[in-house]
Amino acid sequence: MSDRILNASFRSKIMSADEAAALISSGAAIGSSGFTPAGAPKAVPVALAKRAAAAREAGEDFKVGVWTGASTGPSVDGAIAGAGAMSFRMPYQGDTNCRKGINSGEIDYVDMHLSHAAPFAAAGFLGKLDYAIIEIVGVTEDGRLIPSTSVGNNATWIDLADKVILEVNEFQTTDLEGMHDIYRPAMPPHRLPIPIVKPSDRIGEPCFRVDPKKVVAVVNTNASDICAPFTPADQTSQTIANNILEFLTHEVKKGRLPQNLLPLQSGVGNVANAVMAGLQHGAFEHLTAYTEVLQDGTLDLLLSGKLDCASTTSLTFSPEAQAKFLANSKALKSKIILRPQELSNNPELIRRMGLITMNALIEADIYGNVNSTHIQQGTAMMNGIGGSGDFARNAYISMFMTPSTAKGGAISCIMPMVTHVDHTEHDVHVLVTEQGLADLRGLSPKKRAKLIIENCAHPKFRPALQEYYDRALRLSPGKHTPHLLEEVYSFMPRWFAEHGEK
């Protein structure tokens, strides 16, 4: 690893993951790298979890708070929450162990817009950050840190933490050097406009800076990001993608979008990948992306030349796509820009560039309100709001997409009223399912309800939704957004009772 750590001061602090984990005391707040499993530390959190498990067996209580960019995967959330060692978590997660801890009440979870996380922490709203554990690719001779496959909140954690632990991951290619654009907006009242007007603009530095005195440990690792493989798009995902692509073609014909569209943002999942695959074979050329995550479909668009440039904060590739990225990393260096999530999710930039945004949901209601975080009648957390609110509120066109049913067709994803509101109808321009697409722009609540029921609801549930709406229109005390509040959340139980299904 001597060719990865060129600074003598940093080389003198090389130690094992167990030795580094031993520096962290119970009750500490830890800022971890990782935006999805991409760029997450691979060794120290696992060693810390083992230490916590041993402490628990000895009858001692050992817990830490964890701050990240987004979800992290098994090496951080899975390990620490799985050991029962997590007391606090922010701002987003997607791990089974972590979710269990949150919903059992063992983990205090602050779910927040990802663009808010760094400025909230910098303002001191979250308390003091004791340690930052950051994966990097290497250390330059003058002590700058070469970032890994995600940036997230890493620059903020390095600045705020009292002590910094670095994992230098030899698996990650050194071709990542120069792919990053590290820039942190100032805090109010000194904040200036961010000078980005197109996704390809670079305004910062290629590396992180750190006070060498804060670095207490450097750990060598050699492990790939643990990102799950993508399954091929099923018919439902493909149909949703086709509906979106048809809509975009229509918008171009109407003159509301240019021939190369506007910068694209898409959330994580098979539907988003299916949309990107569709663009691969479509008529659109010289596309751009300004998003928080690059997935397999976006990588293919870059390699084919359909996509000119992609700005992101994370390279969340399946194992197959990781290999493809490594094989083409030199050619991709000029096409990919990795930024802090303060920039990738920044409302000012999203509004300025006029993004087309595509995000998933758990349920939507007949008026266009969206729940993207909660299950079990709005009482339990699934993952979190992530960046969907950053993008939806400020997009030129904000799309939300979902299959029309869940649980094998047993539950409608279009409901009379959502059990938890993450995105109000004001921020939902277009709703898409495999049944069709509802363009809600400029429509009153009653017109939205009619269109959503007709175009997006599954035929199995459409009559019951229509019957609810018709009765609400007659009996609701107000006629602007008709509702029967005494029965909105008994919609599915009543449907099961009437149709003899469970």
Protein backbone atom coordinates (compact mmCIF):
# COMPACT_ATOMS: atom_id res chain seq x y z
CA MET A 1 0.00 0.00 0.00
CA SER A 2 3.02 2.35 0.04
CA ASP A 3 2.14 3.55 -3.46
CA ARG A 4 -1.34 4.51 -2.23
CA ILE A 5 -0.17 6.41 0.90
CA LEU A 6 2.45 8.87 -0.29
CA ASN A 7 2.54 11.01 2.87
CA ALA A 8 4.93 9.80 5.58
CA SER A 9 2.79 11.14 8.43
CA PHE A 10 -0.17 9.06 7.29
CA ARG A 11 1.98 5.94 6.74
CA SER A 12 3.12 6.17 10.35
CA LYS A 13 -0.49 5.73 11.50
CA ILE A 14 -1.21 2.45 9.70
CA MET A 15 -2.81 -0.12 12.00
CA SER A 16 -5.29 -2.99 11.91
CA ALA A 17 -9.05 -2.53 11.83
CA ASP A 18 -9.28 -3.99 15.35
CA GLU A 19 -6.74 -1.48 16.65
CA ALA A 20 -8.60 1.40 15.00
CA ALA A 21 -11.97 0.22 16.38
CA ALA A 22 -10.45 0.06 19.87
CA LEU A 23 -9.98 3.84 19.72
CA ILE A 24 -13.75 4.42 19.62
CA SER A 25 -15.57 4.60 22.94
CA SER A 26 -19.20 3.76 23.68
CA GLY A 27 -21.49 6.72 23.20
CA ALA A 28 -19.45 8.18 20.36
CA ALA A 29 -21.05 9.75 17.31
CA ILE A 30 -19.51 8.40 14.11
CA GLY A 31 -19.67 9.94 10.66
CA SER A 32 -19.30 7.14 8.13
CA SER A 33 -18.60 7.34 4.43
CA GLY A 34 -20.91 5.53 2.05
CA PHE A 35 -23.83 6.61 -0.07
CA THR A 36 -25.50 3.26 -0.65
CA PRO A 37 -22.81 0.60 -0.09
CA ALA A 38 -20.61 2.49 -2.58
CA GLY A 39 -17.60 3.94 -0.79
CA ALA A 40 -18.64 2.66 2.64
CA PRO A 41 -15.83 1.57 5.00
CA LYS A 42 -15.35 -2.18 4.85
CA ALA A 43 -13.32 -3.10 7.95
CA VAL A 44 -13.43 -0.73 10.93
CA PRO A 45 -17.25 -0.76 11.45
CA VAL A 46 -17.19 -4.58 11.31
CA ALA A 47 -14.41 -4.66 13.90
CA LEU A 48 -16.37 -2.17 16.02
CA ALA A 49 -19.45 -4.40 15.83
CA LYS A 50 -17.42 -7.40 17.02
CA ARG A 51 -16.12 -5.32 19.91
CA ALA A 52 -19.66 -4.26 20.81
CA ALA A 53 -20.89 -7.86 20.64
CA ALA A 54 -18.10 -8.96 23.00
CA ALA A 55 -19.00 -6.13 25.38
CA ARG A 56 -22.63 -7.20 25.36
CA GLU A 57 -21.66 -10.79 26.21
CA ALA A 58 -19.68 -9.38 29.13
CA GLY A 59 -22.75 -7.53 30.35
CA GLU A 60 -21.59 -4.11 29.18
CA ASP A 61 -23.62 -1.66 27.10
CA PHE A 62 -21.75 -0.48 24.01
CA LYS A 63 -23.60 1.73 21.50
CA VAL A 64 -22.68 4.43 19.01
CA GLY A 65 -24.56 6.91 16.87
CA VAL A 66 -24.06 6.69 13.12
CA TRP A 67 -24.25 9.59 10.65
CA THR A 68 -23.87 8.85 6.94
CA GLY A 69 -24.66 10.18 3.50
CA ALA A 70 -27.45 7.69 2.81
CA SER A 71 -27.74 3.92 3.23
CA THR A 72 -24.47 2.03 3.64
CA GLY A 73 -25.00 -1.73 3.42
CA PRO A 74 -23.81 -4.70 5.47
CA SER A 75 -20.36 -3.42 6.41
CA VAL A 76 -21.76 -0.47 8.38
CA ASP A 77 -25.50 -0.57 9.10
CA GLY A 78 -25.72 -4.34 8.88
CA ALA A 79 -22.76 -4.91 11.19
CA ILE A 80 -23.36 -2.23 13.82
CA ALA A 81 -27.15 -2.55 14.01
CA GLY A 82 -26.86 -6.33 13.82
CA ALA A 83 -24.66 -6.26 16.92
CA GLY A 84 -27.25 -4.17 18.77
CA ALA A 85 -24.67 -1.38 18.96
CA MET A 86 -26.52 1.45 17.20
CA SER A 87 -28.26 4.08 19.33
CA PHE A 88 -28.86 6.78 16.73
CA ARG A 89 -29.04 6.96 12.94
CA MET A 90 -29.40 9.67 10.30
CA PRO A 91 -30.30 10.64 7.53
CA TYR A 92 -31.35 7.51 5.53
CA GLN A 93 -30.97 3.75 5.79
CA GLY A 94 -31.94 0.63 3.89
CA ASP A 95 -30.71 -2.24 6.05
CA THR A 96 -32.88 -4.98 7.56
CA ASN A 97 -31.11 -4.94 10.95
CA CYS A 98 -31.26 -1.16 11.11
CA ARG A 99 -34.95 -1.13 10.15
CA LYS A 100 -35.77 -3.64 12.89
CA GLY A 101 -33.98 -1.51 15.46
CA ILE A 102 -35.79 1.63 14.36
CA ASN A 103 -39.24 0.06 14.34
CA SER A 104 -38.70 -1.67 17.70
CA GLY A 105 -37.76 1.67 19.24
CA GLU A 106 -34.15 0.69 19.99
CA ILE A 107 -32.64 3.13 17.49
CA ASP A 108 -33.53 6.81 17.40
CA TYR A 109 -33.81 7.63 13.71
CA VAL A 110 -33.85 11.08 12.15
CA ASP A 111 -35.14 10.76 8.59
CA MET A 112 -34.30 13.91 6.65
CA HIS A 113 -33.90 15.35 3.18
CA LEU A 114 -30.38 14.44 2.10
CA SER A 115 -29.59 18.02 1.12
CA HIS A 116 -30.27 19.03 4.73
CA ALA A 117 -27.89 16.60 6.41
CA ALA A 118 -24.56 18.41 6.01
CA PRO A 119 -25.82 21.92 6.85
CA PHE A 120 -27.80 20.56 9.83
CA ALA A 121 -24.67 18.89 11.16
CA ALA A 122 -22.48 21.94 10.48
CA ALA A 123 -24.95 24.15 12.35
CA GLY A 124 -24.68 21.89 15.40
CA PHE A 125 -28.30 20.72 15.36
CA LEU A 126 -27.16 17.08 15.73
CA GLY A 127 -24.59 17.60 18.46
CA LYS A 128 -20.87 16.83 18.36
CA LEU A 129 -19.26 14.42 15.90
CA ASP A 130 -16.52 12.40 17.57
CA TYR A 131 -15.15 10.26 14.75
CA ALA A 132 -15.22 10.11 10.96
CA ILE A 133 -14.54 6.73 9.31
CA ILE A 134 -13.92 7.42 5.64
CA GLU A 135 -12.97 5.12 2.77
CA ILE A 136 -10.50 6.66 0.33
CA VAL A 137 -8.44 5.49 -2.64
CA GLY A 138 -5.17 6.99 -1.48
CA VAL A 139 -3.27 9.85 0.14
CA THR A 140 -1.24 12.29 -1.94
CA GLU A 141 2.27 13.36 -1.00
CA ASP A 142 0.96 16.65 0.41
CA GLY A 143 -1.67 14.87 2.54
CA ARG A 144 -4.82 15.29 0.46
CA LEU A 145 -7.30 12.41 0.38
CA ILE A 146 -8.39 10.84 -2.92
CA PRO A 147 -12.12 10.00 -2.57
CA SER A 148 -13.62 6.62 -3.34
CA THR A 149 -16.78 5.61 -5.24
CA SER A 150 -19.05 7.97 -3.31
CA VAL A 151 -18.73 11.41 -1.78
CA GLY A 152 -21.96 11.89 0.19
CA ASN A 153 -21.26 13.91 3.35
CA ASN A 154 -17.62 12.83 3.66
CA ALA A 155 -16.13 16.32 3.38
CA THR A 156 -18.44 17.53 6.15
CA TRP A 157 -17.68 14.58 8.44
CA ILE A 158 -13.92 15.11 7.96
CA ASP A 159 -14.26 18.79 8.84
CA LEU A 160 -16.55 18.30 11.85
CA ALA A 161 -15.09 15.19 13.48
CA ASP A 162 -12.65 15.46 16.35
CA LYS A 163 -10.75 12.43 15.03
CA VAL A 164 -10.55 10.78 11.60
CA ILE A 165 -9.99 7.12 10.73
CA LEU A 166 -9.15 6.39 7.08
CA GLU A 167 -9.63 3.14 5.20
CA VAL A 168 -7.41 3.05 2.10
CA ASN A 169 -9.09 0.56 -0.20
CA GLU A 170 -6.68 -0.93 -2.72
CA PHE A 171 -9.53 -2.58 -4.63
CA GLN A 172 -10.85 0.79 -5.81
CA THR A 173 -9.13 1.99 -8.97
CA THR A 174 -6.73 4.92 -8.86
CA ASP A 175 -8.49 6.12 -12.02
CA LEU A 176 -11.04 7.63 -9.62
CA GLU A 177 -8.49 10.36 -8.94
CA GLY A 178 -9.67 13.48 -10.75
CA MET A 179 -13.27 12.28 -11.10
CA HIS A 180 -14.45 14.21 -8.01
CA ASP A 181 -15.49 17.84 -7.56
CA ILE A 182 -15.33 18.69 -3.86
CA TYR A 183 -16.99 21.99 -2.95
CA ARG A 184 -18.78 22.93 0.24
CA PRO A 185 -21.21 25.88 0.28
CA ALA A 186 -20.64 28.37 3.09
CA MET A 187 -23.12 28.59 5.93
CA PRO A 188 -25.54 31.56 6.16
CA PRO A 189 -25.11 34.53 6.19
CA HIS A 190 -22.05 34.00 4.00
CA ARG A 191 -23.56 31.63 1.45
CA LEU A 192 -23.05 32.60 -2.19
CA PRO A 193 -24.73 31.30 -5.36
CA ILE A 194 -23.28 27.95 -6.44
CA PRO A 195 -21.75 28.52 -9.91
CA ILE A 196 -23.05 25.38 -11.61
CA VAL A 197 -25.30 25.91 -14.64
CA LYS A 198 -24.92 22.55 -16.37
CA PRO A 199 -24.07 19.01 -15.14
CA SER A 200 -20.56 19.07 -16.63
CA ASP A 201 -19.42 22.17 -14.68
CA ARG A 202 -16.59 21.69 -12.18
CA ILE A 203 -16.14 24.26 -9.42
CA GLY A 204 -14.17 22.57 -6.64
CA GLU A 205 -11.14 20.38 -5.91
CA PRO A 206 -10.53 16.73 -6.80
CA CYS A 207 -9.60 15.71 -3.23
CA PHE A 208 -10.61 16.06 0.41
CA ARG A 209 -8.46 18.12 2.74
CA VAL A 210 -7.84 17.11 6.36
CA ASP A 211 -5.76 18.37 9.24
CA PRO A 212 -3.16 15.55 9.61
CA LYS A 213 -3.30 15.96 13.40
CA LYS A 214 -6.91 14.75 13.37
CA VAL A 215 -6.04 11.48 11.61
CA VAL A 216 -5.57 8.83 14.30
CA ALA A 217 -5.59 5.66 12.21
CA VAL A 218 -5.06 4.49 8.65
CA VAL A 219 -6.35 1.01 7.80
CA ASN A 220 -5.51 -0.94 4.65
CA THR A 221 -8.38 -2.78 2.93
CA ASN A 222 -8.96 -4.54 -0.36
CA ALA A 223 -12.65 -5.16 -0.96
CA SER A 224 -15.26 -4.28 -3.56
CA ASP A 225 -18.41 -2.32 -2.80
CA ILE A 226 -21.14 -4.72 -1.68
CA CYS A 227 -23.91 -3.58 -4.02
CA ALA A 228 -26.69 -6.01 -4.84
CA PRO A 229 -27.07 -7.30 -8.40
CA PHE A 230 -29.99 -5.98 -10.40
CA THR A 231 -32.55 -8.46 -11.59
CA PRO A 232 -33.79 -8.02 -15.17
CA ALA A 233 -36.82 -5.74 -15.36
CA ASP A 234 -40.08 -7.65 -15.10
CA GLN A 235 -43.06 -6.86 -17.29
CA THR A 236 -44.50 -4.40 -14.77
CA SER A 237 -41.26 -2.39 -14.51
CA GLN A 238 -40.84 -2.43 -18.27
CA THR A 239 -44.38 -1.18 -18.83
CA ILE A 240 -43.90 1.67 -16.35
CA ALA A 241 -40.67 2.59 -18.13
CA ASN A 242 -42.41 2.52 -21.51
CA ASN A 243 -45.13 4.83 -20.18
CA ILE A 244 -42.47 7.31 -19.03
CA LEU A 245 -40.57 7.18 -22.32
CA GLU A 246 -43.77 7.73 -24.29
CA PHE A 247 -44.56 10.72 -22.08
CA LEU A 248 -41.10 12.24 -22.63
CA THR A 249 -41.49 11.82 -26.39
CA HIS A 250 -44.86 13.57 -26.19
CA GLU A 251 -43.38 16.47 -24.22
CA VAL A 252 -40.69 16.97 -26.87
CA LYS A 253 -43.32 17.00 -29.62
CA LYS A 254 -45.29 19.59 -27.65
CA GLY A 255 -42.20 21.78 -27.39
CA ARG A 256 -42.06 21.57 -23.60
CA LEU A 257 -38.75 19.72 -23.66
CA PRO A 258 -35.73 20.06 -25.96
CA GLN A 259 -34.68 17.21 -28.26
CA ASN A 260 -32.02 16.10 -25.78
CA LEU A 261 -34.49 16.45 -22.88
CA LEU A 262 -33.27 18.16 -19.70
CA PRO A 263 -30.86 16.73 -17.10
CA LEU A 264 -32.22 13.45 -15.76
CA GLN A 265 -32.48 12.26 -12.17
CA SER A 266 -33.68 8.80 -11.25
CA GLY A 267 -33.99 6.98 -7.96
CA VAL A 268 -32.71 3.50 -7.20
CA GLY A 269 -34.39 0.36 -8.52
CA ASN A 270 -35.44 -1.76 -11.46
CA VAL A 271 -37.90 0.76 -12.89
CA ALA A 272 -35.22 3.47 -13.04
CA ASN A 273 -32.86 1.04 -14.75
CA ALA A 274 -35.59 0.06 -17.20
CA VAL A 275 -36.12 3.74 -18.11
CA MET A 276 -32.39 4.13 -18.77
CA ALA A 277 -32.37 0.95 -20.87
CA GLY A 278 -35.25 2.36 -22.89
CA LEU A 279 -33.33 5.58 -23.52
CA GLN A 280 -30.50 3.44 -24.85
CA HIS A 281 -32.64 2.39 -27.80
CA GLY A 282 -34.65 5.60 -28.16
CA ALA A 283 -34.25 8.63 -30.39
CA PHE A 284 -32.82 10.97 -27.73
CA GLU A 285 -29.13 11.91 -28.11
CA HIS A 286 -26.60 13.94 -26.08
CA LEU A 287 -28.42 13.34 -22.81
CA THR A 288 -27.14 14.56 -19.45
CA ALA A 289 -27.79 13.44 -15.88
CA TYR A 290 -27.70 15.33 -12.58
CA THR A 291 -28.57 12.80 -9.94
CA GLU A 292 -27.52 11.34 -6.59
CA VAL A 293 -26.85 7.76 -7.73
CA LEU A 294 -25.50 6.27 -10.95
CA GLN A 295 -26.72 2.74 -11.60
CA ASP A 296 -26.12 0.13 -14.27
CA GLY A 297 -28.45 1.65 -16.86
CA THR A 298 -26.76 5.04 -16.63
CA LEU A 299 -23.33 3.44 -17.02
CA ASP A 300 -24.47 1.74 -20.22
CA LEU A 301 -25.72 5.09 -21.58
CA LEU A 302 -22.33 6.67 -20.86
CA LEU A 303 -20.45 3.84 -22.55
CA SER A 304 -22.68 3.91 -25.63
CA GLY A 305 -22.33 7.67 -26.05
CA LYS A 306 -26.02 8.39 -25.56
CA LEU A 307 -25.25 10.19 -22.31
CA ASP A 308 -22.63 12.93 -22.58
CA CYS A 309 -22.11 13.61 -18.88
CA ALA A 310 -23.36 12.40 -15.52
CA SER A 311 -23.04 14.26 -12.22
CA THR A 312 -23.68 12.22 -9.08
CA THR A 313 -22.55 11.56 -5.53
CA SER A 314 -22.39 7.75 -5.75
CA LEU A 315 -21.48 4.97 -8.18
CA THR A 316 -23.94 2.27 -7.12
CA PHE A 317 -23.14 -0.49 -9.57
CA SER A 318 -24.00 -4.18 -9.49
CA PRO A 319 -20.99 -6.54 -9.44
CA GLU A 320 -21.27 -6.94 -13.21
CA ALA A 321 -21.39 -3.17 -13.76
CA GLN A 322 -18.51 -2.64 -11.30
CA ALA A 323 -16.35 -4.83 -13.52
CA LYS A 324 -17.49 -2.88 -16.58
CA PHE A 325 -16.68 0.41 -14.83
CA LEU A 326 -13.20 -0.78 -13.86
CA ALA A 327 -12.52 -1.89 -17.44
CA ASN A 328 -13.51 1.54 -18.77
CA SER A 329 -12.55 3.83 -15.89
CA LYS A 330 -9.99 5.87 -17.83
CA ALA A 331 -12.46 6.67 -20.60
CA LEU A 332 -15.19 7.49 -18.08
CA LYS A 333 -13.07 9.97 -16.11
CA SER A 334 -14.10 12.86 -18.35
CA LYS A 335 -17.79 11.90 -18.31
CA ILE A 336 -18.53 11.31 -14.60
CA ILE A 337 -18.37 13.92 -11.84
CA LEU A 338 -18.71 12.86 -8.20
CA ARG A 339 -19.81 15.67 -5.86
CA PRO A 340 -20.86 16.10 -2.22
CA GLN A 341 -24.58 15.52 -1.72
CA GLU A 342 -24.90 19.18 -0.72
CA LEU A 343 -24.43 19.77 -4.46
CA SER A 344 -25.94 16.65 -6.03
CA ASN A 345 -29.18 17.28 -4.11
CA ASN A 346 -29.05 21.06 -3.92
CA PRO A 347 -32.46 22.71 -4.51
CA GLU A 348 -30.92 25.81 -6.11
CA LEU A 349 -29.15 23.71 -8.74
CA ILE A 350 -32.10 21.38 -9.36
CA ARG A 351 -34.38 24.33 -10.03
CA ARG A 352 -31.81 26.20 -12.14
CA MET A 353 -31.08 23.30 -14.49
CA GLY A 354 -34.72 22.20 -14.75
CA LEU A 355 -34.35 18.53 -13.91
CA ILE A 356 -36.64 15.72 -15.01
CA THR A 357 -36.92 13.61 -11.85
CA MET A 358 -38.16 10.03 -11.46
CA ASN A 359 -38.62 8.53 -8.00
CA ALA A 360 -40.37 5.53 -6.50
CA LEU A 361 -43.11 5.48 -3.87
CA ILE A 362 -44.84 3.14 -1.44
CA GLU A 363 -48.35 4.48 -1.95
CA ALA A 364 -50.11 7.45 -3.53
CA ASP A 365 -53.63 8.70 -2.99
CA ILE A 366 -56.29 9.75 -5.44
CA TYR A 367 -55.31 13.42 -5.09
CA GLY A 368 -51.61 12.87 -5.79
CA ASN A 369 -50.09 12.87 -2.30
CA VAL A 370 -47.21 10.42 -1.95
CA ASN A 371 -45.91 8.25 0.88
CA SER A 372 -42.36 7.10 0.16
CA THR A 373 -41.22 6.11 3.66
CA HIS A 374 -43.79 4.46 5.94
CA ILE A 375 -45.54 1.08 6.11
CA GLN A 376 -47.88 -0.63 8.60
CA GLN A 377 -50.54 2.06 8.39
CA GLY A 378 -47.98 4.82 8.62
CA THR A 379 -46.41 3.66 11.90
CA ALA A 380 -43.23 1.90 10.76
CA MET A 381 -40.25 3.09 8.74
CA MET A 382 -39.22 1.36 5.54
CA ASN A 383 -36.06 3.22 4.46
CA GLY A 384 -36.50 6.99 4.46
CA ILE A 385 -37.20 9.97 2.25
CA GLY A 386 -33.69 10.08 0.83
CA GLY A 387 -33.26 12.65 -1.89
CA SER A 388 -36.71 12.33 -3.44
CA GLY A 389 -37.97 15.48 -1.71
CA ASP A 390 -34.93 17.50 -2.74
CA PHE A 391 -35.63 16.66 -6.37
CA ALA A 392 -39.44 16.55 -6.46
CA ARG A 393 -40.01 19.97 -4.89
CA ASN A 394 -37.64 21.70 -7.31
CA ALA A 395 -37.93 19.72 -10.55
CA TYR A 396 -39.09 20.98 -13.92
CA ILE A 397 -41.04 17.74 -14.20
CA SER A 398 -41.46 15.62 -11.05
CA MET A 399 -42.53 12.02 -11.70
CA PHE A 400 -43.35 9.33 -9.16
CA MET A 401 -43.66 5.73 -10.25
CA THR A 402 -44.94 2.50 -8.71
CA PRO A 403 -46.63 -0.78 -9.61
CA SER A 404 -50.35 -0.30 -9.09
CA THR A 405 -50.46 -3.11 -6.50
CA ALA A 406 -48.23 -4.63 -3.80
CA LYS A 407 -48.05 -7.94 -1.95
CA GLY A 408 -48.63 -9.99 -5.06
CA GLY A 409 -51.62 -7.91 -6.12
CA ALA A 410 -53.38 -8.07 -2.76
CA ILE A 411 -53.00 -4.38 -1.86
CA SER A 412 -53.64 -1.30 -3.97
CA CYS A 413 -50.81 1.23 -4.14
CA ILE A 414 -53.40 3.88 -5.02
CA MET A 415 -55.42 4.67 -1.90
CA PRO A 416 -58.12 7.17 -0.89
CA MET A 417 -55.60 8.84 1.42
CA VAL A 418 -51.97 7.97 2.11
CA THR A 419 -51.14 6.89 5.65
CA HIS A 420 -48.10 9.18 5.74
CA VAL A 421 -47.33 12.20 3.56
CA ASP A 422 -43.79 12.76 2.31
CA HIS A 423 -44.62 14.64 -0.89
CA THR A 424 -47.79 16.68 -1.13
CA GLU A 425 -49.79 16.88 -4.34
CA HIS A 426 -48.10 20.24 -5.00
CA ASP A 427 -44.81 18.45 -5.74
CA VAL A 428 -46.16 15.51 -7.76
CA HIS A 429 -46.50 16.48 -11.42
CA VAL A 430 -46.84 13.04 -12.99
CA LEU A 431 -47.91 9.70 -11.47
CA VAL A 432 -47.04 6.51 -13.35
CA THR A 433 -47.98 2.85 -12.90
CA GLU A 434 -48.07 -0.06 -15.32
CA GLN A 435 -51.72 0.80 -15.87
CA GLY A 436 -50.93 4.21 -17.31
CA LEU A 437 -49.81 7.76 -16.61
CA ALA A 438 -51.59 10.71 -15.00
CA ASP A 439 -50.28 14.16 -15.91
CA LEU A 440 -51.50 16.18 -12.92
CA ARG A 441 -50.05 19.55 -13.88
CA GLY A 442 -52.60 22.33 -13.72
CA LEU A 443 -55.42 20.12 -12.47
CA SER A 444 -57.71 20.77 -9.50
CA PRO A 445 -58.01 18.04 -6.83
CA LYS A 446 -61.22 16.58 -8.28
CA LYS A 447 -59.74 16.39 -11.78
CA ARG A 448 -56.61 14.76 -10.37
CA ALA A 449 -58.70 12.14 -8.58
CA LYS A 450 -60.60 11.26 -11.75
CA LEU A 451 -57.40 10.89 -13.79
CA ILE A 452 -55.48 8.89 -11.16
CA ILE A 453 -58.33 6.42 -10.65
CA GLU A 454 -58.85 5.95 -14.39
CA ASN A 455 -55.20 5.84 -15.48
CA CYS A 456 -53.14 4.56 -12.55
CA ALA A 457 -55.28 2.32 -10.31
CA HIS A 458 -55.42 -1.42 -10.95
CA PRO A 459 -58.73 -2.52 -12.52
CA LYS A 460 -59.24 -4.80 -9.52
CA PHE A 461 -59.43 -1.79 -7.18
CA ARG A 462 -60.67 0.89 -9.55
CA PRO A 463 -64.42 0.41 -8.90
CA ALA A 464 -63.97 0.61 -5.11
CA LEU A 465 -61.84 3.75 -5.39
CA GLN A 466 -64.40 5.32 -7.70
CA GLU A 467 -67.23 4.38 -5.34
CA TYR A 468 -65.35 5.98 -2.43
CA TYR A 469 -64.74 9.15 -4.39
CA ASP A 470 -68.36 9.39 -5.58
CA ARG A 471 -69.67 9.07 -2.02
CA ALA A 472 -67.09 11.55 -0.75
CA LEU A 473 -68.20 13.99 -3.41
CA ARG A 474 -71.77 13.71 -2.11
CA LEU A 475 -71.14 13.52 1.64
CA SER A 476 -67.91 15.42 2.32
CA PRO A 477 -68.48 18.73 4.13
CA GLY A 478 -66.08 20.41 1.69
CA LYS A 479 -66.13 19.86 -2.06
CA HIS A 480 -62.62 21.08 -2.95
CA THR A 481 -60.85 17.89 -1.81
CA PRO A 482 -63.73 15.52 -0.92
CA HIS A 483 -62.94 13.00 1.80
CA LEU A 484 -64.71 10.75 4.28
CA LEU A 485 -62.14 10.82 7.04
CA GLU A 486 -63.95 8.27 9.16
CA GLU A 487 -63.32 5.57 6.57
CA VAL A 488 -60.28 6.46 4.47
CA TYR A 489 -58.01 4.04 6.33
CA SER A 490 -60.53 1.19 6.36
CA PHE A 491 -60.51 1.05 2.55
CA MET A 492 -58.46 -2.16 2.24
CA PRO A 493 -60.17 -4.06 5.11
CA ARG A 494 -63.57 -3.23 3.61
CA TRP A 495 -62.41 -4.36 0.19
CA PHE A 496 -61.21 -7.69 1.59
CA ALA A 497 -64.51 -8.16 3.46
CA GLU A 498 -66.57 -7.50 0.35
CA HIS A 499 -64.51 -9.70 -1.96
CA GLY A 500 -63.72 -12.53 0.43
CA GLU A 501 -59.95 -12.09 0.21
CA LYS A 502 -57.32 -11.81 2.91
